[in-house]
Amino acid sequence: MNVTGSAAAPGSETAISASASASRPWLKSYPPKVPHTIDETQIGTLVDFFRHGVTAYADRPAVESFGKQMTYAELGREAAKVTSWLQSLGIGKGDRVAIMLPNVMAYPPILYGVLNAGATVVNINPLYTPRELVQQMRDSGARLLFVLENFAATVEAAEADLKLDQIVIVKPGDLLGLKGSIINLVSRYVKKAVKPFTLAGAIPFRDVMSKGAQKPPTAIDVSPDDIAFLQYTGGTTGVAKGAMLLHRNVVANVMQCEAWMVPYFGERTDHVMVTALPLYHIFGLTACALLMLRIGGCQLLITNPRDIPGFVKTLRARPFTLMCGVNTLYNALAHAPGIEDVDFSHLVFVISGGMATQASVAKKWQEVSGSPIIEGYGLSETSPVVCVNRLDIKEFTGTIGYPVPSTDISVRAPDNAVLPFGERGELCVKGPQVMAGYWQKPEETAKARTPDGFFRTGDVAVILPDGQVKIVDRMKDMILISGFNVYPNEVEDVIAMHPGVMESAVIGVPDGEGGELVAAYVVRKDPALTVDALRQFCRDNLTAYKVPKRIEFRDTLPKTNVGKVLRRALKDEVASHR
């Protein structure tokens, strides 16, 4: 693979341009140096990317955490230890390995160590409850689990239902040297962030690295058609399922992002990406980790982005050039004390995705930083980037921009007819970044595709005359909380587990801060059931962001004549009261 070239194949751009003016108006709006297509003949594997990166950028910093840097050469050596250890257990092509970590220094070596072994990464949200963990682990069939000790108690609670060959306990200070020992002590004894746990047979990450150093790994022949990630999502139906992202899908998306962004970099090569987005989320994984690997940039890992004072302190201490985030994060930072002392003079661009960016937040952010928020759009199923605004905009546009190179889109009616530009319909996508399908769910895969091979996003959109895309609404009742999907069916299923509940309906309502909150409207079976008791029950069974912030008891819920709860009618009623 030629990992340095991402331009269009000879003649391809001319051929597309000749017929694109009517069917693909966005191409006429592309910046001059951005190609219409990437050269898909150059798509290889993430292993190719990694080998090139650790060699070509050997002396550059690849990752930084708590002031400690790891060069690309060091990253290569640490990842090799993980690969060697995995191979000693017989882990290889076709096996799944789960990673349940926030943005700690150990994450990148583990990530690349798994990929270099030819195995598939199963990213797991560390905030999952035991029930959610079991569900994803069972579905994926992962053989191993790397987990931060702060969340090991969750694994212990689920262990009886997990079928694992090995559990590896990672500490927040691993690979940080002496400073890491101090961080571990503070995490465990000062912040008391580690709940007591007992996991018989689990081994510490330091043992993995020690054993892995005893023998160099064996090179594995990884194919672009091998599965790199099982990225779990509710998709367009709300049923939890793993999007099969092949190496070629993810590599293509990194190349698409590179083609769109690199023309704006000029001669600068010392890019630092503020990585507050969790790497287990597809947005952070591609836009931060993999794009930086591609261009030789450094990831500035933010382990706990909810600690806004700590986040601002980090930004004040470390010059940075790139940043990716979500609306709620930019909103919190823009209003944080001390943000006025952050040096934004090196900033090249700021990308927002994962949820709709609000104009008020974008305005405040630009006032603080001097840089407009550049909004993009994507999904787990598309690796994830589908559209992004031009990087030379002077102010926030309110759209998701244009399809990235080699991406085709259309807006469809319910009967699958392609609608004229300017009309609302379901946004459908085709491109090399679109997943191979859902893991072991052929029926769900079929539902997500149009007859002519486009992926159905489930979002209602409009294509504007110049090719920009504007998201209008969601086809489903999915709720977005800080860039993460909350599916009402799942929350309702948990509420229904409570013996005091007759039925419920869950919807998203405005939270007064520009985002949404989860609201549950419940018909009680037991009149003695309280809001606090039901909310605690939800906390025991759901990740924190899925727990309803608003719970209201009602005598009845709006329904169809066949008994189906009308969430839309409920939302309209709540909106009218507001």
Protein backbone atom coordinates (compact mmCIF):
# COMPACT_ATOMS: atom_id res chain seq x y z
CA MET A 1 0.00 0.00 0.00
CA ASN A 2 1.18 3.49 -0.81
CA VAL A 3 0.25 5.16 2.46
CA THR A 4 1.27 8.64 1.35
CA GLY A 5 -1.18 9.12 -1.51
CA SER A 6 -4.88 9.89 -1.19
CA ALA A 7 -5.61 11.87 -4.33
CA ALA A 8 -8.05 10.76 -6.98
CA ALA A 9 -7.06 8.04 -9.40
CA PRO A 10 -5.92 9.42 -12.79
CA GLY A 11 -8.88 10.46 -14.88
CA SER A 12 -11.48 9.58 -12.26
CA GLU A 13 -12.11 13.15 -11.13
CA THR A 14 -12.64 14.33 -14.70
CA ALA A 15 -15.09 11.54 -15.38
CA ILE A 16 -17.07 12.29 -12.26
CA SER A 17 -17.01 16.05 -12.79
CA ALA A 18 -18.39 15.75 -16.31
CA SER A 19 -21.65 14.26 -15.07
CA ALA A 20 -21.74 15.60 -11.54
CA SER A 21 -23.15 19.11 -11.92
CA ALA A 22 -26.75 17.94 -11.79
CA SER A 23 -26.58 14.85 -9.60
CA ARG A 24 -23.78 15.88 -7.21
CA PRO A 25 -23.90 19.67 -6.81
CA TRP A 26 -21.62 19.53 -3.75
CA LEU A 27 -18.62 18.82 -5.98
CA LYS A 28 -18.81 22.34 -7.41
CA SER A 29 -18.54 23.68 -3.86
CA TYR A 30 -15.42 21.72 -2.97
CA PRO A 31 -12.31 23.73 -2.04
CA PRO A 32 -9.84 23.94 -4.98
CA LYS A 33 -7.25 21.54 -3.54
CA VAL A 34 -9.67 18.89 -2.34
CA PRO A 35 -10.08 15.97 -4.79
CA HIS A 36 -13.54 14.68 -5.65
CA THR A 37 -12.45 11.12 -4.92
CA ILE A 38 -9.81 9.21 -3.06
CA ASP A 39 -7.81 6.58 -4.89
CA GLU A 40 -9.55 3.43 -3.69
CA THR A 41 -6.86 1.25 -5.26
CA GLN A 42 -4.57 2.52 -2.49
CA ILE A 43 -6.82 1.38 0.36
CA GLY A 44 -4.97 -1.10 2.54
CA THR A 45 -5.23 -1.92 6.24
CA LEU A 46 -4.82 -0.16 9.55
CA VAL A 47 -1.79 -2.37 10.10
CA ASP A 48 -0.25 -0.72 7.01
CA PHE A 49 -1.05 2.67 8.49
CA PHE A 50 0.55 1.73 11.78
CA ARG A 51 3.74 0.32 10.29
CA HIS A 52 4.17 3.42 8.18
CA GLY A 53 3.47 5.77 11.09
CA VAL A 54 5.89 4.28 13.59
CA THR A 55 8.64 4.31 10.96
CA ALA A 56 8.04 7.60 9.13
CA TYR A 57 7.28 9.60 12.29
CA ALA A 58 9.49 7.63 14.72
CA ASP A 59 10.80 10.62 16.70
CA ARG A 60 7.56 12.60 16.79
CA PRO A 61 5.28 12.48 19.84
CA ALA A 62 2.31 10.19 19.14
CA VAL A 63 0.46 10.41 22.44
CA GLU A 64 0.59 12.71 25.45
CA SER A 65 -1.11 12.16 28.80
CA PHE A 66 -0.61 14.02 32.08
CA GLY A 67 2.46 15.71 30.60
CA LYS A 68 4.13 12.41 29.61
CA GLN A 69 4.80 11.81 25.91
CA MET A 70 5.18 8.61 23.92
CA THR A 71 6.88 8.81 20.53
CA TYR A 72 5.74 6.85 17.51
CA ALA A 73 8.74 4.56 17.86
CA GLU A 74 7.86 3.92 21.50
CA LEU A 75 4.23 3.34 20.56
CA GLY A 76 5.41 0.75 18.04
CA ARG A 77 7.44 -1.08 20.67
CA GLU A 78 4.66 -1.05 23.28
CA ALA A 79 2.05 -2.24 20.77
CA ALA A 80 4.41 -5.08 19.72
CA LYS A 81 4.45 -6.33 23.32
CA VAL A 82 0.65 -6.48 23.36
CA THR A 83 0.62 -8.32 20.03
CA SER A 84 3.21 -10.83 21.21
CA TRP A 85 1.29 -11.54 24.40
CA LEU A 86 -1.97 -12.01 22.49
CA GLN A 87 -0.26 -14.42 20.11
CA SER A 88 1.07 -16.42 23.06
CA LEU A 89 -2.58 -17.05 23.99
CA GLY A 90 -3.46 -18.08 20.46
CA ILE A 91 -5.34 -14.87 19.66
CA GLY A 92 -5.34 -14.09 15.95
CA LYS A 93 -7.50 -13.53 12.89
CA GLY A 94 -11.19 -13.91 13.53
CA ASP A 95 -10.91 -13.46 17.32
CA ARG A 96 -12.55 -10.54 19.11
CA VAL A 97 -10.83 -8.61 21.90
CA ALA A 98 -12.78 -6.13 24.04
CA ILE A 99 -11.33 -2.83 25.28
CA MET A 100 -13.15 -1.13 28.15
CA LEU A 101 -10.98 1.93 28.74
CA PRO A 102 -11.25 5.72 28.81
CA ASN A 103 -8.50 7.85 27.22
CA VAL A 104 -5.49 6.55 29.15
CA MET A 105 -1.94 6.10 27.86
CA ALA A 106 -2.36 2.33 27.62
CA TYR A 107 -5.26 2.59 25.17
CA PRO A 108 -3.30 3.25 21.92
CA PRO A 109 -0.77 0.41 22.42
CA ILE A 110 -3.59 -2.00 23.25
CA LEU A 111 -5.63 -0.82 20.26
CA TYR A 112 -2.81 -1.27 17.76
CA GLY A 113 -1.56 -4.40 19.48
CA VAL A 114 -4.92 -6.08 18.90
CA LEU A 115 -5.14 -4.91 15.28
CA ASN A 116 -1.57 -6.02 14.53
CA ALA A 117 -2.46 -9.48 15.83
CA GLY A 118 -5.16 -9.64 13.16
CA ALA A 119 -7.94 -9.65 15.75
CA THR A 120 -11.06 -7.49 15.89
CA VAL A 121 -11.44 -4.68 18.43
CA VAL A 122 -14.72 -4.55 20.35
CA ASN A 123 -14.93 -1.11 21.94
CA ILE A 124 -16.93 -0.99 25.17
CA ASN A 125 -18.13 2.06 27.06
CA PRO A 126 -16.49 1.89 30.52
CA LEU A 127 -19.64 3.35 32.08
CA TYR A 128 -21.76 0.35 31.11
CA THR A 129 -23.74 -1.45 33.78
CA PRO A 130 -23.24 -5.21 34.22
CA ARG A 131 -26.37 -5.89 32.15
CA GLU A 132 -25.14 -3.79 29.24
CA LEU A 133 -21.67 -5.30 29.44
CA VAL A 134 -23.02 -8.84 29.33
CA GLN A 135 -25.24 -8.03 26.37
CA GLN A 136 -22.38 -6.68 24.26
CA MET A 137 -19.84 -9.29 25.27
CA ARG A 138 -22.22 -12.16 24.55
CA ASP A 139 -23.18 -10.77 21.18
CA SER A 140 -19.61 -10.10 20.08
CA GLY A 141 -18.14 -13.34 21.44
CA ALA A 142 -15.03 -11.51 22.66
CA ARG A 143 -12.41 -13.81 24.21
CA LEU A 144 -10.44 -11.22 26.17
CA LEU A 145 -11.20 -8.01 28.00
CA PHE A 146 -8.88 -5.11 28.87
CA VAL A 147 -10.55 -3.02 31.58
CA LEU A 148 -9.49 -0.05 33.71
CA GLU A 149 -9.40 -0.99 37.40
CA ASN A 150 -11.85 1.85 38.13
CA PHE A 151 -14.51 -0.22 36.33
CA ALA A 152 -13.43 -3.71 37.36
CA ALA A 153 -16.25 -3.95 39.91
CA THR A 154 -18.69 -3.85 36.99
CA VAL A 155 -16.87 -6.76 35.39
CA GLU A 156 -16.98 -8.68 38.65
CA ALA A 157 -20.76 -8.22 38.83
CA ALA A 158 -21.09 -9.57 35.29
CA GLU A 159 -18.35 -12.21 35.40
CA ALA A 160 -20.64 -15.21 35.93
CA ASP A 161 -22.35 -14.45 32.62
CA LEU A 162 -19.17 -13.72 30.66
CA LYS A 163 -17.28 -16.34 28.67
CA LEU A 164 -13.73 -15.00 28.74
CA ASP A 165 -10.31 -16.57 28.36
CA GLN A 166 -8.63 -13.72 30.19
CA ILE A 167 -9.27 -10.37 31.89
CA VAL A 168 -6.50 -7.75 31.99
CA ILE A 169 -6.60 -5.00 34.61
CA VAL A 170 -5.21 -1.66 33.43
CA LYS A 171 -4.35 1.16 35.82
CA PRO A 172 -4.76 4.84 34.84
CA GLY A 173 -1.04 5.47 35.30
CA ASP A 174 0.23 2.50 33.28
CA LEU A 175 3.01 3.48 30.84
CA LEU A 176 3.44 6.86 32.53
CA GLY A 177 6.56 5.98 34.52
CA LEU A 178 7.02 7.39 38.03
CA LYS A 179 4.25 9.93 37.45
CA GLY A 180 1.96 7.01 36.71
CA SER A 181 2.55 5.56 40.18
CA ILE A 182 1.48 8.84 41.72
CA ILE A 183 -1.61 8.98 39.47
CA ASN A 184 -2.56 5.45 40.52
CA LEU A 185 -2.25 6.33 44.21
CA VAL A 186 -4.35 9.47 43.80
CA SER A 187 -7.00 7.60 41.80
CA ARG A 188 -7.28 4.80 44.34
CA TYR A 189 -6.79 6.51 47.69
CA VAL A 190 -7.48 10.22 47.26
CA LYS A 191 -10.27 10.27 44.70
CA LYS A 192 -11.43 6.78 45.77
CA ALA A 193 -12.27 6.07 42.15
CA VAL A 194 -11.59 2.33 42.42
CA LYS A 195 -14.37 0.28 43.98
CA PRO A 196 -13.30 -2.95 45.71
CA PHE A 197 -13.35 -5.92 43.34
CA THR A 198 -12.25 -9.53 43.13
CA LEU A 199 -11.53 -11.08 39.75
CA ALA A 200 -9.85 -14.44 40.18
CA GLY A 201 -7.42 -15.12 37.36
CA ALA A 202 -7.27 -11.53 36.11
CA ILE A 203 -3.76 -10.26 35.42
CA PRO A 204 -2.32 -6.74 35.59
CA PHE A 205 -1.41 -4.96 32.37
CA ARG A 206 2.22 -4.71 33.48
CA ASP A 207 2.43 -8.52 33.34
CA VAL A 208 1.12 -8.44 29.76
CA MET A 209 3.88 -6.02 28.81
CA SER A 210 6.55 -7.95 30.68
CA LYS A 211 5.63 -11.28 29.04
CA GLY A 212 5.11 -9.67 25.65
CA ALA A 213 8.63 -8.23 25.74
CA GLN A 214 10.17 -11.71 25.90
CA LYS A 215 9.53 -12.51 22.25
CA PRO A 216 8.93 -10.39 19.14
CA PRO A 217 5.49 -10.81 17.58
CA THR A 218 4.88 -12.77 14.41
CA ALA A 219 3.80 -10.66 11.43
CA ILE A 220 0.20 -11.45 10.43
CA ASP A 221 -1.19 -11.13 6.93
CA VAL A 222 -4.14 -8.82 7.53
CA SER A 223 -6.53 -8.18 4.63
CA PRO A 224 -8.49 -4.98 3.88
CA ASP A 225 -11.58 -7.19 4.06
CA ASP A 226 -10.90 -8.36 7.62
CA ILE A 227 -13.07 -6.87 10.36
CA ALA A 228 -11.15 -4.20 12.26
CA PHE A 229 -13.91 -3.11 14.66
CA LEU A 230 -17.25 -4.27 15.96
CA GLN A 231 -18.61 -0.85 16.81
CA TYR A 232 -21.85 -1.24 18.73
CA THR A 233 -24.77 1.01 17.96
CA GLY A 234 -28.52 1.01 18.01
CA GLY A 235 -28.42 1.93 14.33
CA THR A 236 -31.70 3.01 12.80
CA THR A 237 -33.89 0.48 14.62
CA GLY A 238 -32.77 0.85 18.24
CA VAL A 239 -31.69 -2.79 18.52
CA ALA A 240 -28.17 -3.05 19.91
CA LYS A 241 -25.89 -4.47 17.23
CA GLY A 242 -22.29 -4.40 16.11
CA ALA A 243 -21.43 -2.52 12.94
CA MET A 244 -18.78 -4.54 11.11
CA LEU A 245 -16.17 -2.00 10.10
CA LEU A 246 -13.63 -3.62 7.81
CA HIS A 247 -10.07 -2.36 7.62
CA ARG A 248 -10.92 -0.96 4.18
CA ASN A 249 -13.92 0.97 5.56
CA VAL A 250 -11.96 2.72 8.29
CA VAL A 251 -8.86 3.31 6.15
CA ALA A 252 -11.04 4.84 3.44
CA ASN A 253 -12.65 7.21 5.93
CA VAL A 254 -9.28 8.32 7.28
CA MET A 255 -8.14 8.97 3.70
CA GLN A 256 -11.35 10.92 3.04
CA CYS A 257 -10.75 13.07 6.13
CA GLU A 258 -7.13 13.56 5.13
CA ALA A 259 -8.09 14.65 1.61
CA TRP A 260 -10.55 17.17 3.05
CA MET A 261 -8.31 18.60 5.75
CA VAL A 262 -4.64 18.39 4.77
CA PRO A 263 -4.82 21.17 2.12
CA TYR A 264 -5.41 23.54 5.04
CA PHE A 265 -2.38 22.40 7.03
CA GLY A 266 0.23 24.12 4.90
CA GLU A 267 3.81 23.15 5.78
CA ARG A 268 3.03 22.53 9.43
CA THR A 269 3.68 18.98 10.67
CA ASP A 270 3.63 19.36 14.47
CA HIS A 271 -0.11 19.00 14.92
CA VAL A 272 -1.57 18.33 18.36
CA MET A 273 -5.15 17.02 18.50
CA VAL A 274 -7.05 17.67 21.72
CA THR A 275 -8.56 14.22 22.27
CA ALA A 276 -11.40 14.69 24.72
CA LEU A 277 -13.71 12.47 22.71
CA PRO A 278 -13.50 8.92 24.09
CA LEU A 279 -11.51 6.62 21.84
CA TYR A 280 -14.12 3.90 22.30
CA HIS A 281 -16.51 6.19 20.40
CA ILE A 282 -16.13 6.00 16.61
CA PHE A 283 -15.82 9.79 16.26
CA GLY A 284 -12.83 10.00 18.59
CA LEU A 285 -11.34 6.78 17.23
CA THR A 286 -11.23 7.95 13.61
CA ALA A 287 -10.96 11.73 13.85
CA CYS A 288 -8.39 11.75 16.63
CA ALA A 289 -6.46 8.47 16.93
CA LEU A 290 -6.38 7.23 13.35
CA LEU A 291 -6.16 10.58 11.57
CA MET A 292 -3.21 11.57 13.79
CA LEU A 293 -1.54 8.25 12.99
CA ARG A 294 -2.02 9.01 9.30
CA ILE A 295 -0.45 12.49 9.41
CA GLY A 296 2.04 11.99 12.23
CA GLY A 297 0.23 14.21 14.73
CA CYS A 298 0.08 13.90 18.52
CA GLN A 299 -3.02 13.01 20.51
CA LEU A 300 -3.37 15.07 23.69
CA LEU A 301 -5.42 12.61 25.74
CA ILE A 302 -8.05 14.04 28.07
CA THR A 303 -8.91 11.18 30.43
CA ASN A 304 -11.83 12.90 32.15
CA PRO A 305 -13.35 15.66 29.99
CA ARG A 306 -16.12 16.15 32.56
CA ASP A 307 -13.54 17.69 34.85
CA ILE A 308 -13.82 21.05 33.13
CA PRO A 309 -11.43 22.93 35.48
CA GLY A 310 -8.82 20.21 34.90
CA PHE A 311 -9.50 20.28 31.17
CA VAL A 312 -8.99 24.06 31.01
CA LYS A 313 -5.78 23.70 33.02
CA THR A 314 -4.46 21.22 30.45
CA LEU A 315 -5.37 23.52 27.56
CA ARG A 316 -3.59 26.42 29.26
CA ALA A 317 -0.43 24.38 29.68
CA ARG A 318 -0.14 22.71 26.27
CA PRO A 319 -0.25 24.45 22.84
CA PHE A 320 -2.58 22.64 20.42
CA THR A 321 -3.61 22.98 16.80
CA LEU A 322 -6.66 20.73 16.31
CA MET A 323 -9.73 19.86 18.33
CA CYS A 324 -12.74 17.58 17.98
CA GLY A 325 -15.72 17.62 20.31
CA VAL A 326 -19.46 17.73 20.75
CA ASN A 327 -21.85 20.60 21.38
CA THR A 328 -22.12 20.07 25.14
CA LEU A 329 -18.34 20.02 25.52
CA TYR A 330 -17.82 23.27 23.62
CA ASN A 331 -20.63 24.84 25.62
CA ALA A 332 -19.04 23.86 28.94
CA LEU A 333 -15.58 25.02 27.90
CA ALA A 334 -16.81 28.32 26.47
CA HIS A 335 -18.34 29.24 29.84
CA ALA A 336 -15.57 27.83 32.03
CA PRO A 337 -13.53 30.13 34.30
CA GLY A 338 -9.98 30.50 32.99
CA ILE A 339 -10.83 29.70 29.36
CA GLU A 340 -9.92 33.30 28.49
CA ASP A 341 -6.31 32.49 29.41
CA VAL A 342 -6.02 29.59 26.93
CA ASP A 343 -3.79 30.31 23.92
CA PHE A 344 -5.88 29.63 20.82
CA SER A 345 -3.42 31.29 18.43
CA HIS A 346 -2.16 27.97 17.03
CA LEU A 347 -5.62 26.56 16.35
CA VAL A 348 -6.12 25.42 12.74
CA PHE A 349 -9.65 24.06 13.05
CA VAL A 350 -12.30 22.88 15.51
CA ILE A 351 -14.63 20.06 14.47
CA SER A 352 -17.98 19.26 16.04
CA GLY A 353 -20.08 16.15 15.52
CA GLY A 354 -21.91 13.41 17.36
CA MET A 355 -24.95 15.63 17.98
CA ALA A 356 -26.39 18.83 16.55
CA THR A 357 -24.32 21.91 17.27
CA GLN A 358 -26.37 24.87 18.43
CA ALA A 359 -25.87 28.28 16.92
CA SER A 360 -25.69 29.93 20.36
CA VAL A 361 -22.91 27.58 21.44
CA ALA A 362 -21.02 28.12 18.18
CA LYS A 363 -21.29 31.88 18.61
CA LYS A 364 -20.02 31.81 22.19
CA TRP A 365 -17.17 29.46 21.24
CA GLN A 366 -16.04 31.73 18.41
CA GLU A 367 -16.11 34.73 20.75
CA VAL A 368 -13.86 32.86 23.18
CA SER A 369 -11.49 31.11 20.78
CA GLY A 370 -11.63 33.18 17.61
CA SER A 371 -12.34 30.02 15.59
CA PRO A 372 -15.66 28.93 14.10
CA ILE A 373 -17.01 25.49 14.91
CA ILE A 374 -16.90 23.33 11.78
CA GLU A 375 -19.75 20.87 12.01
CA GLY A 376 -19.69 17.43 10.46
CA TYR A 377 -21.93 14.39 10.41
CA GLY A 378 -21.50 10.66 10.55
CA LEU A 379 -22.55 7.38 12.10
CA SER A 380 -20.90 4.29 13.52
CA GLU A 381 -21.97 2.49 10.35
CA THR A 382 -20.03 4.94 8.18
CA SER A 383 -16.71 4.80 10.06
CA PRO A 384 -18.05 7.58 10.80
CA VAL A 385 -17.61 10.68 8.58
CA VAL A 386 -20.17 11.33 5.82
CA CYS A 387 -20.25 15.13 5.59
CA VAL A 388 -18.24 18.07 6.89
CA ASN A 389 -18.19 21.81 6.33
CA ARG A 390 -15.37 23.53 4.48
CA LEU A 391 -12.52 24.38 6.80
CA ASP A 392 -12.29 27.95 5.49
CA ILE A 393 -15.70 29.08 6.75
CA LYS A 394 -15.66 32.32 8.74
CA GLU A 395 -18.63 31.52 10.93
CA PHE A 396 -20.90 28.64 11.87
CA THR A 397 -23.18 27.55 9.01
CA GLY A 398 -25.89 25.51 10.72
CA THR A 399 -25.47 22.72 8.15
CA ILE A 400 -23.40 19.53 8.24
CA GLY A 401 -21.52 20.66 5.13
CA TYR A 402 -20.74 18.58 2.06
CA PRO A 403 -20.20 14.85 1.47
CA VAL A 404 -16.52 13.97 1.78
CA PRO A 405 -14.64 12.68 -1.31
CA SER A 406 -15.87 9.41 -2.86
CA THR A 407 -19.19 9.73 -1.02
CA ASP A 408 -22.57 9.78 -2.69
CA ILE A 409 -25.79 10.77 -0.94
CA SER A 410 -29.47 11.00 -1.74
CA VAL A 411 -32.65 11.92 0.07
CA ARG A 412 -35.36 9.27 -0.20
CA ALA A 413 -39.12 9.07 0.19
CA PRO A 414 -40.67 6.17 2.16
CA ASP A 415 -41.13 4.28 -1.12
CA ASN A 416 -37.36 4.65 -1.80
CA ALA A 417 -37.86 7.22 -4.56
CA VAL A 418 -35.04 9.77 -4.77
CA LEU A 419 -36.43 13.20 -3.91
CA PRO A 420 -35.47 16.47 -5.62
CA PHE A 421 -33.00 18.76 -3.91
CA GLY A 422 -34.72 20.93 -1.33
CA GLU A 423 -37.26 18.29 -0.29
CA ARG A 424 -37.13 16.49 3.03
CA GLY A 425 -36.53 12.78 3.21
CA GLU A 426 -34.32 10.09 4.67
CA LEU A 427 -30.64 10.72 4.13
CA CYS A 428 -29.01 7.72 2.40
CA VAL A 429 -25.27 7.22 1.90
CA LYS A 430 -22.98 5.21 -0.35
CA GLY A 431 -19.19 5.14 -0.18
CA PRO A 432 -16.16 3.03 0.72
CA GLN A 433 -16.52 3.99 4.39
CA VAL A 434 -19.94 2.31 4.76
CA MET A 435 -19.88 -0.81 6.95
CA ALA A 436 -20.05 -4.36 5.64
CA GLY A 437 -23.19 -4.99 7.71
CA TYR A 438 -24.33 -5.78 11.24
CA TRP A 439 -22.60 -8.60 13.10
CA GLN A 440 -24.63 -11.82 12.78
CA LYS A 441 -27.78 -9.84 11.92
CA PRO A 442 -28.47 -10.25 8.18
CA GLU A 443 -32.08 -9.11 8.51
CA GLU A 444 -31.05 -5.88 10.24
CA THR A 445 -28.40 -5.37 7.56
CA ALA A 446 -30.99 -5.77 4.81
CA LYS A 447 -33.33 -3.27 6.50
CA ALA A 448 -30.56 -0.69 6.61
CA ARG A 449 -29.93 -0.78 2.84
CA THR A 450 -31.85 0.52 -0.13
CA PRO A 451 -32.32 -1.77 -3.15
CA ASP A 452 -29.53 0.11 -4.95
CA GLY A 453 -27.05 -0.29 -2.12
CA PHE A 454 -27.29 2.97 -0.15
CA PHE A 455 -27.18 2.93 3.65
CA ARG A 456 -30.29 4.31 5.34
CA THR A 457 -29.22 6.73 8.09
CA GLY A 458 -32.63 7.11 9.72
CA ASP A 459 -32.21 10.91 9.70
CA VAL A 460 -34.40 13.36 7.82
CA ALA A 461 -32.36 15.79 5.74
CA VAL A 462 -32.49 18.36 2.96
CA ILE A 463 -29.85 18.82 0.25
CA LEU A 464 -29.48 22.53 -0.45
CA PRO A 465 -28.86 23.91 -3.97
CA ASP A 466 -25.08 24.15 -3.49
CA GLY A 467 -24.89 20.59 -2.15
CA GLN A 468 -24.75 21.38 1.55
CA VAL A 469 -26.79 19.05 3.72
CA LYS A 470 -29.02 20.10 6.57
CA ILE A 471 -30.36 17.60 9.10
CA VAL A 472 -33.99 18.43 9.81
CA ASP A 473 -35.20 15.77 12.22
CA ARG A 474 -34.77 12.17 13.30
CA MET A 475 -36.91 9.48 11.79
CA LYS A 476 -36.83 7.50 14.97
CA ASP A 477 -37.22 8.62 18.56
CA MET A 478 -33.55 8.31 19.38
CA ILE A 479 -32.34 10.72 22.05
CA LEU A 480 -28.88 12.31 21.87
CA ILE A 481 -27.03 12.93 25.12
CA SER A 482 -23.61 14.56 24.59
CA GLY A 483 -23.11 12.72 21.34
CA PHE A 484 -24.23 9.31 22.60
CA ASN A 485 -27.39 7.58 21.46
CA VAL A 486 -30.10 6.75 23.96
CA TYR A 487 -32.79 4.43 22.66
CA PRO A 488 -36.21 4.72 24.34
CA ASN A 489 -36.94 1.01 23.88
CA GLU A 490 -33.97 0.06 26.04
CA VAL A 491 -34.85 2.50 28.81
CA GLU A 492 -38.50 1.42 28.72
CA ASP A 493 -37.44 -2.22 28.92
CA VAL A 494 -35.46 -1.52 32.09
CA ILE A 495 -38.30 0.48 33.65
CA ALA A 496 -40.67 -2.38 32.83
CA MET A 497 -38.45 -4.69 34.90
CA HIS A 498 -39.52 -2.84 38.06
CA PRO A 499 -42.39 -4.69 39.78
CA GLY A 500 -44.15 -1.42 40.59
CA VAL A 501 -44.48 -0.29 36.96
CA MET A 502 -47.39 -0.96 34.66
CA GLU A 503 -46.08 0.73 31.50
CA SER A 504 -43.98 3.67 30.41
CA ALA A 505 -42.99 5.89 27.52
CA VAL A 506 -39.57 7.49 27.19
CA ILE A 507 -38.86 10.54 25.06
CA GLY A 508 -36.24 13.25 24.73
CA VAL A 509 -37.17 16.77 25.79
CA PRO A 510 -35.19 20.04 25.74
CA ASP A 511 -33.10 20.40 28.89
CA GLY A 512 -32.82 24.18 28.93
CA GLU A 513 -29.09 24.06 28.14
CA GLY A 514 -29.47 23.48 24.43
CA GLY A 515 -29.41 19.70 24.53
CA GLU A 516 -31.86 16.98 25.45
CA LEU A 517 -32.64 15.01 28.55
CA VAL A 518 -34.28 11.62 28.95
CA ALA A 519 -37.84 11.88 30.25
CA ALA A 520 -39.92 8.93 31.38
CA TYR A 521 -43.71 8.99 31.73
CA VAL A 522 -44.82 6.07 33.86
CA VAL A 523 -48.08 4.39 34.77
CA ARG A 524 -47.63 2.76 38.16
CA LYS A 525 -48.77 -0.65 39.23
CA ASP A 526 -47.80 0.06 42.83
CA PRO A 527 -49.08 3.46 44.06
CA ALA A 528 -46.29 3.50 46.67
CA LEU A 529 -43.56 3.62 44.02
CA THR A 530 -41.61 6.89 44.23
CA VAL A 531 -39.63 8.82 41.67
CA ASP A 532 -36.43 8.38 43.69
CA ALA A 533 -36.88 4.62 43.95
CA LEU A 534 -37.50 4.23 40.22
CA ARG A 535 -34.57 6.46 39.31
CA GLN A 536 -32.26 4.41 41.55
CA PHE A 537 -33.50 1.25 39.85
CA CYS A 538 -32.58 2.79 36.50
CA ARG A 539 -29.14 3.76 37.80
CA ASP A 540 -28.53 0.15 38.75
CA ASN A 541 -29.30 -1.04 35.24
CA LEU A 542 -28.33 1.77 32.88
CA THR A 543 -25.28 3.88 32.08
CA ALA A 544 -25.63 7.28 33.74
CA TYR A 545 -26.47 9.23 30.58
CA LYS A 546 -29.39 6.87 29.85
CA VAL A 547 -31.02 7.32 33.27
CA PRO A 548 -34.16 9.49 33.03
CA LYS A 549 -33.59 12.92 34.53
CA ARG A 550 -37.31 13.53 34.49
CA ILE A 551 -39.80 10.94 35.74
CA GLU A 552 -43.49 11.73 35.83
CA PHE A 553 -46.25 9.42 36.96
CA ARG A 554 -49.46 9.38 34.92
CA ASP A 555 -52.76 7.58 34.89
CA THR A 556 -52.63 6.85 31.15
CA LEU A 557 -50.39 7.23 28.10
CA PRO A 558 -51.46 8.27 24.59
CA LYS A 559 -51.93 5.18 22.39
CA THR A 560 -53.13 4.04 19.00
CA ASN A 561 -56.30 2.01 18.71
CA VAL A 562 -54.19 -1.16 18.73
CA GLY A 563 -52.46 -0.20 21.97
CA LYS A 564 -49.14 1.17 20.74
CA VAL A 565 -47.86 4.08 22.79
CA LEU A 566 -47.63 7.26 20.74
CA ARG A 567 -44.32 8.83 21.68
CA ARG A 568 -44.77 11.60 19.13
CA ALA A 569 -48.12 12.59 20.62
CA LEU A 570 -46.51 12.63 24.05
CA LYS A 571 -43.69 14.86 22.80
CA ASP A 572 -46.18 17.24 21.24
CA GLU A 573 -48.16 17.39 24.48
CA VAL A 574 -45.05 18.09 26.55
CA ALA A 575 -43.92 20.74 24.06
CA SER A 576 -47.30 22.50 24.20
CA HIS A 577 -47.14 22.66 27.99
CA ARG A 578 -43.65 24.16 27.82
